[in-house]
C-alpha atoms as a PDB file:
ATOM      1  CA  MET A   1     -22.083  72.114  -8.168  1.00  0.00           C
ATOM      2  CA  THR A   2     -19.854  69.426  -6.740  1.00  0.00           C
ATOM      3  CA  GLN A   3     -21.232  68.042  -3.520  1.00  0.00           C
ATOM      4  CA  VAL A   4     -19.116  67.819  -0.417  1.00  0.00           C
ATOM      5  CA  VAL A   5     -19.977  64.698   1.542  1.00  0.00           C
ATOM      6  CA  ASP A   6     -18.389  63.988   4.931  1.00  0.00           C
ATOM      7  CA  GLY A   7     -15.632  66.460   4.121  1.00  0.00           C
ATOM      8  CA  TYR A   8     -14.602  64.760   0.858  1.00  0.00           C
ATOM      9  CA  ARG A   9     -15.328  66.582  -2.404  1.00  0.00           C
ATOM     10  CA  GLY A  10     -16.935  64.424  -5.031  1.00  0.00           C
ATOM     11  CA  ALA A  11     -16.795  61.220  -2.891  1.00  0.00           C
ATOM     12  CA  ARG A  12     -19.640  58.746  -3.247  1.00  0.00           C
ATOM     13  CA  ARG A  13     -20.414  55.841  -0.960  1.00  0.00           C
ATOM     14  CA  ARG A  14     -20.214  52.401  -2.556  1.00  0.00           C
ATOM     15  CA  PRO A  15     -23.290  50.298  -1.966  1.00  0.00           C
ATOM     16  CA  ARG A  16     -22.653  47.514   0.519  1.00  0.00           C
ATOM     17  CA  PRO A  17     -23.717  43.987  -0.555  1.00  0.00           C
ATOM     18  CA  ASP A  18     -26.746  42.902   1.374  1.00  0.00           C
ATOM     19  CA  ALA A  19     -27.040  39.584   3.197  1.00  0.00           C
ATOM     20  CA  ARG A  20     -28.981  37.974   0.347  1.00  0.00           C
ATOM     21  CA  THR A  21     -26.155  38.617  -2.095  1.00  0.00           C
ATOM     22  CA  VAL A  22     -23.553  37.141   0.248  1.00  0.00           C
ATOM     23  CA  ILE A  23     -25.716  34.073   0.925  1.00  0.00           C
ATOM     24  CA  GLY A  24     -26.256  33.611  -2.813  1.00  0.00           C
ATOM     25  CA  VAL A  25     -22.537  33.674  -3.577  1.00  0.00           C
ATOM     26  CA  VAL A  26     -21.742  31.300  -0.719  1.00  0.00           C
ATOM     27  CA  GLY A  27     -24.527  29.002  -1.874  1.00  0.00           C
ATOM     28  CA  GLU A  28     -23.169  28.877  -5.413  1.00  0.00           C
ATOM     29  CA  VAL A  29     -19.694  28.046  -4.129  1.00  0.00           C
ATOM     30  CA  LEU A  30     -21.046  25.252  -1.931  1.00  0.00           C
ATOM     31  CA  ILE A  31     -23.098  23.832  -4.785  1.00  0.00           C
ATOM     32  CA  THR A  32     -20.021  23.828  -7.017  1.00  0.00           C
ATOM     33  CA  LEU A  33     -17.963  22.083  -4.331  1.00  0.00           C
ATOM     34  CA  GLY A  34     -20.767  19.582  -3.811  1.00  0.00           C
ATOM     35  CA  VAL A  35     -20.833  18.741  -7.523  1.00  0.00           C
ATOM     36  CA  ILE A  36     -17.057  18.259  -7.517  1.00  0.00           C
ATOM     37  CA  VAL A  37     -17.252  15.949  -4.483  1.00  0.00           C
ATOM     38  CA  PHE A  38     -20.121  14.010  -6.057  1.00  0.00           C
ATOM     39  CA  LEU A  39     -18.194  13.532  -9.295  1.00  0.00           C
ATOM     40  CA  PHE A  40     -15.137  12.391  -7.342  1.00  0.00           C
ATOM     41  CA  LEU A  41     -17.173   9.860  -5.367  1.00  0.00           C
ATOM     42  CA  ALA A  42     -18.859   8.676  -8.550  1.00  0.00           C
ATOM     43  CA  TYR A  43     -15.440   8.082 -10.053  1.00  0.00           C
ATOM     44  CA  GLU A  44     -14.107   6.344  -6.941  1.00  0.00           C
ATOM     45  CA  LEU A  45     -17.101   4.063  -6.429  1.00  0.00           C
ATOM     46  CA  TRP A  46     -18.695   3.628  -9.849  1.00  0.00           C
ATOM     47  CA  PHE A  47     -16.020   4.076 -12.493  1.00  0.00           C
ATOM     48  CA  THR A  48     -13.370   2.122 -10.571  1.00  0.00           C
ATOM     49  CA  GLY A  49     -15.945  -0.629 -10.075  1.00  0.00           C
ATOM     50  CA  LEU A  50     -16.508  -0.814 -13.829  1.00  0.00           C
ATOM     51  CA  TYR A  51     -12.765  -1.173 -14.346  1.00  0.00           C
ATOM     52  CA  THR A  52     -12.526  -4.034 -11.859  1.00  0.00           C
ATOM     53  CA  ALA A  53     -15.639  -5.759 -13.195  1.00  0.00           C
ATOM     54  CA  ARG A  54     -14.097  -5.794 -16.665  1.00  0.00           C
ATOM     55  CA  ALA A  55     -10.770  -7.045 -15.298  1.00  0.00           C
ATOM     56  CA  GLN A  56     -12.512  -9.764 -13.287  1.00  0.00           C
ATOM     57  CA  SER A  57     -14.387 -10.914 -16.371  1.00  0.00           C
ATOM     58  CA  ASP A  58     -11.094 -11.230 -18.257  1.00  0.00           C
ATOM     59  CA  LEU A  59      -9.368 -13.072 -15.396  1.00  0.00           C
ATOM     60  CA  LYS A  60     -12.224 -15.539 -14.941  1.00  0.00           C
ATOM     61  CA  SER A  61     -12.228 -16.162 -18.673  1.00  0.00           C
ATOM     62  CA  GLN A  62      -8.493 -16.860 -18.438  1.00  0.00           C
ATOM     63  CA  LEU A  63      -9.088 -19.400 -15.666  1.00  0.00           C
ATOM     64  CA  ARG A  64     -11.892 -21.135 -17.549  1.00  0.00           C
ATOM     65  CA  SER A  65      -9.671 -21.461 -20.625  1.00  0.00           C
ATOM     66  CA  GLU A  66      -6.737 -22.819 -18.619  1.00  0.00           C
ATOM     67  CA  TRP A  67      -8.858 -25.221 -16.590  1.00  0.00           C
ATOM     68  CA  ALA A  68     -10.561 -26.556 -19.737  1.00  0.00           C
ATOM     69  CA  LEU A  69      -7.247 -27.775 -21.133  1.00  0.00           C
ATOM     70  CA  PRO A  70      -6.261 -31.391 -20.461  1.00  0.00           C
ATOM     71  CA  ALA A  71      -4.298 -31.818 -17.278  1.00  0.00           C
ATOM     72  CA  PRO A  72      -0.613 -32.566 -17.855  1.00  0.00           C
ATOM     73  CA  SER A  73       0.176 -36.271 -17.640  1.00  0.00           C
ATOM     74  CA  THR A  74       3.247 -35.605 -15.521  1.00  0.00           C
ATOM     75  CA  PRO A  75       3.673 -32.853 -12.937  1.00  0.00           C
ATOM     76  CA  SER A  76       5.375 -29.882 -14.525  1.00  0.00           C
ATOM     77  CA  ALA A  77       5.190 -27.824 -11.378  1.00  0.00           C
ATOM     78  CA  THR A  78       7.301 -27.746  -8.277  1.00  0.00           C
ATOM     79  CA  GLU A  79       6.035 -29.166  -5.008  1.00  0.00           C
ATOM     80  CA  LEU A  80       5.881 -26.598  -2.280  1.00  0.00           C
ATOM     81  CA  PRO A  81       8.613 -26.978   0.353  1.00  0.00           C
ATOM     82  CA  GLY A  82       7.761 -28.388   3.744  1.00  0.00           C
ATOM     83  CA  GLU A  83       5.851 -31.397   4.971  1.00  0.00           C
ATOM     84  CA  GLN A  84       2.111 -31.758   5.003  1.00  0.00           C
ATOM     85  CA  PRO A  85       0.427 -30.438   8.163  1.00  0.00           C
ATOM     86  CA  THR A  86       0.256 -32.981  10.963  1.00  0.00           C
ATOM     87  CA  ALA A  87      -1.096 -30.863  13.816  1.00  0.00           C
ATOM     88  CA  PRO A  88      -4.552 -31.734  15.202  1.00  0.00           C
ATOM     89  CA  GLY A  89      -7.256 -30.435  12.928  1.00  0.00           C
ATOM     90  CA  SER A  90      -4.936 -30.008   9.950  1.00  0.00           C
ATOM     91  CA  PRO A  91      -5.420 -32.028   6.744  1.00  0.00           C
ATOM     92  CA  ALA A  92      -2.662 -34.593   7.146  1.00  0.00           C
ATOM     93  CA  ALA A  93      -4.165 -36.772   4.433  1.00  0.00           C
ATOM     94  CA  SER A  94      -4.482 -33.947   1.911  1.00  0.00           C
ATOM     95  CA  PRO A  95      -2.560 -34.364  -1.341  1.00  0.00           C
ATOM     96  CA  PRO A  96       0.546 -32.211  -1.718  1.00  0.00           C
ATOM     97  CA  ALA A  97      -0.076 -28.882  -3.431  1.00  0.00           C
ATOM     98  CA  LEU A  98       1.446 -28.863  -6.904  1.00  0.00           C
ATOM     99  CA  ILE A  99       1.493 -25.516  -8.658  1.00  0.00           C
ATOM    100  CA  ASP A 100       2.941 -23.806 -11.662  1.00  0.00           C
ATOM    101  CA  GLN A 101       5.092 -20.751 -11.169  1.00  0.00           C
ATOM    102  CA  PRO A 102       2.486 -17.943 -11.093  1.00  0.00           C
ATOM    103  CA  VAL A 103       2.749 -15.187 -13.684  1.00  0.00           C
ATOM    104  CA  PRO A 104       2.489 -11.651 -12.232  1.00  0.00           C
ATOM    105  CA  GLY A 105      -0.856 -10.098 -13.115  1.00  0.00           C
ATOM    106  CA  ASP A 106      -2.483 -13.427 -14.028  1.00  0.00           C
ATOM    107  CA  ALA A 107      -5.253 -15.197 -12.132  1.00  0.00           C
ATOM    108  CA  ILE A 108      -4.257 -18.081  -9.863  1.00  0.00           C
ATOM    109  CA  GLY A 109      -7.679 -19.164  -8.607  1.00  0.00           C
ATOM    110  CA  LEU A 110     -10.987 -18.000  -7.161  1.00  0.00           C
ATOM    111  CA  ILE A 111     -11.854 -16.968  -3.617  1.00  0.00           C
ATOM    112  CA  ARG A 112     -15.332 -17.645  -2.231  1.00  0.00           C
ATOM    113  CA  ILE A 113     -16.576 -16.584   1.211  1.00  0.00           C
ATOM    114  CA  PRO A 114     -20.017 -18.064   1.959  1.00  0.00           C
ATOM    115  CA  ARG A 115     -20.848 -15.532   4.675  1.00  0.00           C
ATOM    116  CA  LEU A 116     -20.582 -12.760   2.088  1.00  0.00           C
ATOM    117  CA  GLY A 117     -23.168 -14.332  -0.203  1.00  0.00           C
ATOM    118  CA  ALA A 118     -23.731 -17.081  -2.723  1.00  0.00           C
ATOM    119  CA  ASN A 119     -22.507 -14.875  -5.570  1.00  0.00           C
ATOM    120  CA  TYR A 120     -19.269 -13.893  -3.864  1.00  0.00           C
ATOM    121  CA  ALA A 121     -16.493 -15.156  -6.140  1.00  0.00           C
ATOM    122  CA  TYR A 122     -13.414 -13.154  -7.127  1.00  0.00           C
ATOM    123  CA  ALA A 123     -10.505 -14.126  -9.315  1.00  0.00           C
ATOM    124  CA  ILE A 124      -7.242 -13.832  -7.380  1.00  0.00           C
ATOM    125  CA  VAL A 125      -4.465 -11.868  -9.086  1.00  0.00           C
ATOM    126  CA  GLU A 126      -0.813 -12.728  -8.686  1.00  0.00           C
ATOM    127  CA  GLY A 127       0.700  -9.570  -7.180  1.00  0.00           C
ATOM    128  CA  VAL A 128      -0.246  -6.728  -4.850  1.00  0.00           C
ATOM    129  CA  SER A 129       0.928  -3.669  -6.781  1.00  0.00           C
ATOM    130  CA  THR A 130      -1.477  -0.776  -7.285  1.00  0.00           C
ATOM    131  CA  ASP A 131      -2.328  -2.036 -10.764  1.00  0.00           C
ATOM    132  CA  ASP A 132      -2.777  -5.618  -9.539  1.00  0.00           C
ATOM    133  CA  LEU A 133      -5.232  -4.676  -6.793  1.00  0.00           C
ATOM    134  CA  LYS A 134      -7.316  -2.693  -9.262  1.00  0.00           C
ATOM    135  CA  LYS A 135      -8.135  -6.046 -10.868  1.00  0.00           C
ATOM    136  CA  GLY A 136      -9.188  -7.803  -7.666  1.00  0.00           C
ATOM    137  CA  PRO A 137      -7.761  -9.476  -4.554  1.00  0.00           C
ATOM    138  CA  GLY A 138      -4.025  -9.973  -4.931  1.00  0.00           C
ATOM    139  CA  HIS A 139      -1.698 -12.737  -3.777  1.00  0.00           C
ATOM    140  CA  TYR A 140       1.503 -11.628  -2.046  1.00  0.00           C
ATOM    141  CA  PRO A 141       4.376 -12.976  -4.176  1.00  0.00           C
ATOM    142  CA  GLY A 142       6.649 -15.269  -2.216  1.00  0.00           C
ATOM    143  CA  THR A 143       3.980 -16.397   0.229  1.00  0.00           C
ATOM    144  CA  ALA A 144       2.469 -19.879   0.094  1.00  0.00           C
ATOM    145  CA  MET A 145       0.161 -20.920  -2.711  1.00  0.00           C
ATOM    146  CA  PRO A 146      -3.318 -22.389  -2.060  1.00  0.00           C
ATOM    147  CA  GLY A 147      -3.082 -25.499   0.092  1.00  0.00           C
ATOM    148  CA  GLY A 148       0.644 -25.125   0.638  1.00  0.00           C
ATOM    149  CA  VAL A 149       2.355 -25.246   3.984  1.00  0.00           C
ATOM    150  CA  GLY A 150       3.013 -21.689   5.123  1.00  0.00           C
ATOM    151  CA  ASN A 151       0.984 -18.506   4.845  1.00  0.00           C
ATOM    152  CA  PHE A 152      -1.199 -17.903   1.770  1.00  0.00           C
ATOM    153  CA  VAL A 153      -1.606 -14.108   1.943  1.00  0.00           C
ATOM    154  CA  LEU A 154      -4.179 -12.060   0.016  1.00  0.00           C
ATOM    155  CA  SER A 155      -4.839  -8.310  -0.008  1.00  0.00           C
ATOM    156  CA  GLY A 156      -7.807  -6.428  -1.432  1.00  0.00           C
ATOM    157  CA  HIS A 157      -9.628  -3.106  -1.580  1.00  0.00           C
ATOM    158  CA  ARG A 158     -12.384  -2.412   0.920  1.00  0.00           C
ATOM    159  CA  THR A 159     -14.148   0.615  -0.581  1.00  0.00           C
ATOM    160  CA  THR A 160     -13.170   1.047  -4.245  1.00  0.00           C
ATOM    161  CA  TYR A 161     -12.530  -1.153  -7.286  1.00  0.00           C
ATOM    162  CA  LEU A 162     -15.612  -3.296  -6.496  1.00  0.00           C
ATOM    163  CA  ALA A 163     -14.454  -3.439  -2.849  1.00  0.00           C
ATOM    164  CA  PRO A 164     -13.880  -7.211  -2.811  1.00  0.00           C
ATOM    165  CA  PHE A 165     -12.849  -7.192   0.852  1.00  0.00           C
ATOM    166  CA  ASN A 166     -15.541  -4.776   2.005  1.00  0.00           C
ATOM    167  CA  GLY A 167     -17.215  -7.437   4.133  1.00  0.00           C
ATOM    168  CA  LEU A 168     -14.168  -8.808   5.942  1.00  0.00           C
ATOM    169  CA  GLY A 169     -15.275  -7.095   9.133  1.00  0.00           C
ATOM    170  CA  GLU A 170     -18.347  -9.371   9.175  1.00  0.00           C
ATOM    171  CA  LEU A 171     -16.345 -12.600   9.331  1.00  0.00           C
ATOM    172  CA  GLN A 172     -16.461 -14.667  12.499  1.00  0.00           C
ATOM    173  CA  LYS A 173     -14.391 -17.519  13.895  1.00  0.00           C
ATOM    174  CA  GLY A 174     -15.165 -20.715  12.056  1.00  0.00           C
ATOM    175  CA  ASP A 175     -16.362 -19.022   8.861  1.00  0.00           C
ATOM    176  CA  ALA A 176     -15.240 -20.707   5.664  1.00  0.00           C
ATOM    177  CA  ILE A 177     -12.900 -19.202   3.078  1.00  0.00           C
ATOM    178  CA  VAL A 178     -12.833 -21.419  -0.008  1.00  0.00           C
ATOM    179  CA  ILE A 179     -10.112 -21.202  -2.635  1.00  0.00           C
ATOM    180  CA  GLU A 180     -10.827 -22.871  -5.961  1.00  0.00           C
ATOM    181  CA  THR A 181      -7.930 -23.952  -8.162  1.00  0.00           C
ATOM    182  CA  ARG A 182      -7.841 -26.057 -11.305  1.00  0.00           C
ATOM    183  CA  ASP A 183      -8.370 -29.389  -9.564  1.00  0.00           C
ATOM    184  CA  THR A 184      -8.992 -28.679  -5.886  1.00  0.00           C
ATOM    185  CA  TRP A 185     -11.280 -26.915  -3.419  1.00  0.00           C
ATOM    186  CA  TYR A 186      -9.249 -25.662  -0.442  1.00  0.00           C
ATOM    187  CA  THR A 187     -11.431 -24.825   2.561  1.00  0.00           C
ATOM    188  CA  TYR A 188      -9.902 -22.640   5.250  1.00  0.00           C
ATOM    189  CA  ARG A 189     -11.608 -21.679   8.511  1.00  0.00           C
ATOM    190  CA  VAL A 190     -11.261 -18.269  10.163  1.00  0.00           C
ATOM    191  CA  THR A 191      -9.279 -18.503  13.401  1.00  0.00           C
ATOM    192  CA  GLY A 192      -9.115 -14.845  14.407  1.00  0.00           C
ATOM    193  CA  ASP A 193      -8.608 -11.242  13.397  1.00  0.00           C
ATOM    194  CA  GLN A 194      -6.370  -8.322  14.260  1.00  0.00           C
ATOM    195  CA  THR A 195      -6.066  -4.599  13.534  1.00  0.00           C
ATOM    196  CA  VAL A 196      -2.510  -3.404  12.893  1.00  0.00           C
ATOM    197  CA  LEU A 197      -0.575  -0.482  11.461  1.00  0.00           C
ATOM    198  CA  PRO A 198       0.425  -0.610   7.777  1.00  0.00           C
ATOM    199  CA  THR A 199       4.024  -1.129   8.907  1.00  0.00           C
ATOM    200  CA  ALA A 200       3.196  -4.436  10.634  1.00  0.00           C
ATOM    201  CA  VAL A 201       4.700  -6.654   7.943  1.00  0.00           C
ATOM    202  CA  GLY A 202       4.919  -9.635  10.309  1.00  0.00           C
ATOM    203  CA  VAL A 203       1.395 -10.667   9.305  1.00  0.00           C
ATOM    204  CA  VAL A 204       2.680 -11.964   5.946  1.00  0.00           C
ATOM    205  CA  LEU A 205       5.388 -14.207   7.423  1.00  0.00           C
ATOM    206  CA  PRO A 206       5.096 -18.006   6.937  1.00  0.00           C
ATOM    207  CA  VAL A 207       3.936 -18.132  10.556  1.00  0.00           C
ATOM    208  CA  PRO A 208       2.256 -14.755  11.122  1.00  0.00           C
ATOM    209  CA  ASN A 209       4.085 -12.464  13.546  1.00  0.00           C
ATOM    210  CA  LYS A 210       6.671 -15.164  14.371  1.00  0.00           C
ATOM    211  CA  PRO A 211       9.780 -14.369  12.329  1.00  0.00           C
ATOM    212  CA  HIS A 212      11.834 -17.352  13.501  1.00  0.00           C
ATOM    213  CA  ALA A 213       9.112 -20.004  13.460  1.00  0.00           C
ATOM    214  CA  LYS A 214       9.148 -22.813  10.906  1.00  0.00           C
ATOM    215  CA  PRO A 215       5.736 -23.328   9.268  1.00  0.00           C
ATOM    216  CA  SER A 216       4.068 -26.687   9.744  1.00  0.00           C
ATOM    217  CA  GLN A 217       0.481 -25.820   8.765  1.00  0.00           C
ATOM    218  CA  ALA A 218      -1.301 -24.391   5.743  1.00  0.00           C
ATOM    219  CA  LEU A 219      -2.547 -20.942   6.743  1.00  0.00           C
ATOM    220  CA  ILE A 220      -4.377 -18.076   5.065  1.00  0.00           C
ATOM    221  CA  THR A 221      -4.220 -14.345   5.833  1.00  0.00           C
ATOM    222  CA  LEU A 222      -6.522 -11.705   4.328  1.00  0.00           C
ATOM    223  CA  THR A 223      -5.575  -8.027   4.631  1.00  0.00           C
ATOM    224  CA  THR A 224      -7.478  -4.823   3.858  1.00  0.00           C
ATOM    225  CA  CYS A 225      -7.645  -1.203   4.970  1.00  0.00           C
ATOM    226  CA  THR A 226      -9.544  -0.202   8.079  1.00  0.00           C
ATOM    227  CA  PRO A 227     -11.611   1.693   9.039  1.00  0.00           C
ATOM    228  CA  LYS A 228     -13.577   2.000   5.832  1.00  0.00           C
ATOM    229  CA  TYR A 229     -12.585   4.977   3.666  1.00  0.00           C
ATOM    230  CA  SER A 230      -9.289   5.187   5.522  1.00  0.00           C
ATOM    231  CA  ALA A 231      -5.847   3.673   5.107  1.00  0.00           C
ATOM    232  CA  SER A 232      -4.625   4.392   8.630  1.00  0.00           C
ATOM    233  CA  HIS A 233      -4.703   0.733   9.732  1.00  0.00           C
ATOM    234  CA  ARG A 234      -5.058  -2.768   8.348  1.00  0.00           C
ATOM    235  CA  LEU A 235      -7.697  -5.347   9.211  1.00  0.00           C
ATOM    236  CA  ILE A 236      -6.186  -8.835   9.266  1.00  0.00           C
ATOM    237  CA  ILE A 237      -8.180 -12.064   9.042  1.00  0.00           C
ATOM    238  CA  TYR A 238      -6.349 -15.283   9.925  1.00  0.00           C
ATOM    239  CA  GLY A 239      -7.366 -18.814   9.005  1.00  0.00           C
ATOM    240  CA  SER A 240      -6.088 -22.378   8.725  1.00  0.00           C
ATOM    241  CA  LEU A 241      -6.680 -25.105   6.162  1.00  0.00           C
ATOM    242  CA  GLU A 242      -9.458 -27.519   7.068  1.00  0.00           C
ATOM    243  CA  SER A 243      -9.624 -29.665   3.934  1.00  0.00           C
ATOM    244  CA  ALA A 244      -8.485 -30.106   0.355  1.00  0.00           C
ATOM    245  CA  LEU A 245     -11.181 -31.738  -1.776  1.00  0.00           C
ATOM    246  CA  PRO A 246     -10.696 -32.800  -5.405  1.00  0.00           C
ATOM    247  CA  LYS A 247     -13.167 -30.962  -7.635  1.00  0.00           C
ATOM    248  CA  SER A 248     -14.110 -34.306  -9.158  1.00  0.00           C
ATOM    249  CA  ALA A 249     -15.823 -35.088  -5.817  1.00  0.00           C
ATOM    250  CA  GLY A 250     -18.222 -32.166  -6.186  1.00  0.00           C
ATOM    251  CA  LEU A 251     -18.714 -29.025  -4.131  1.00  0.00           C
ATOM    252  CA  PRO A 252     -17.076 -28.811  -0.713  1.00  0.00           C
ATOM    253  CA  PRO A 253     -19.455 -28.878   2.271  1.00  0.00           C
ATOM    254  CA  ALA A 254     -18.840 -25.172   2.942  1.00  0.00           C
ATOM    255  CA  LEU A 255     -20.444 -24.232  -0.391  1.00  0.00           C
ATOM    256  CA  LYS A 256     -23.404 -26.588  -0.284  1.00  0.00           C
ATOM    257  CA  GLY A 257     -26.661 -24.826   0.465  1.00  0.00           C
ATOM    258  CA  VAL A 258     -25.145 -21.345   0.188  1.00  0.00           C
END
């Protein structure tokens, strides 16, 4: 005979999943999501670092090859506009900065920051496009070149692609930032820092945040995202040129004993 249950002929109650089943399903979902997040982080931190390490190796090799060639007997580059700095503390006796027109995507020199370790040395790329910054710290086109009067502006990643500017938050007033070019060590000293919105483009002006000011000193500005793992703001490090030392004279004082 057909049973009548709760007034419904032939109806059967479906078994309800118990708590252990629900917990098991939720656990599997969380594990899957965790694996996806782990793989994403591995890509962001490890794989992108491999890409940059390879690019840095190529750029440093490019610099070594260029610097090994005989220096041209006559300057083939254009002297940067403006007079040499004459303000107190600026290198009035420094030789004028002579540079070739930089090629986008090529290396223009090396940046060393003693506070960030003896092995800290990154090739600087000409350009700040997404592809440029994957290779290393990038130089803002149109801003001053190393040692030149005006604002030498660099940007770099803080958490991915080897995170070359990860340690900028550790810098203090007076810390050295050394730029190595073919013939010269340029030593800048940190003068201050600032946190701004990404729209604050005044930091890259020849005189930072002063649109109508005429530059009279050689300055440096480093920019990176802040806080870490966020692009909501920019951390800005400002500095000014302390000295320009010919490489034939040996290491600059800032790098001795590092």
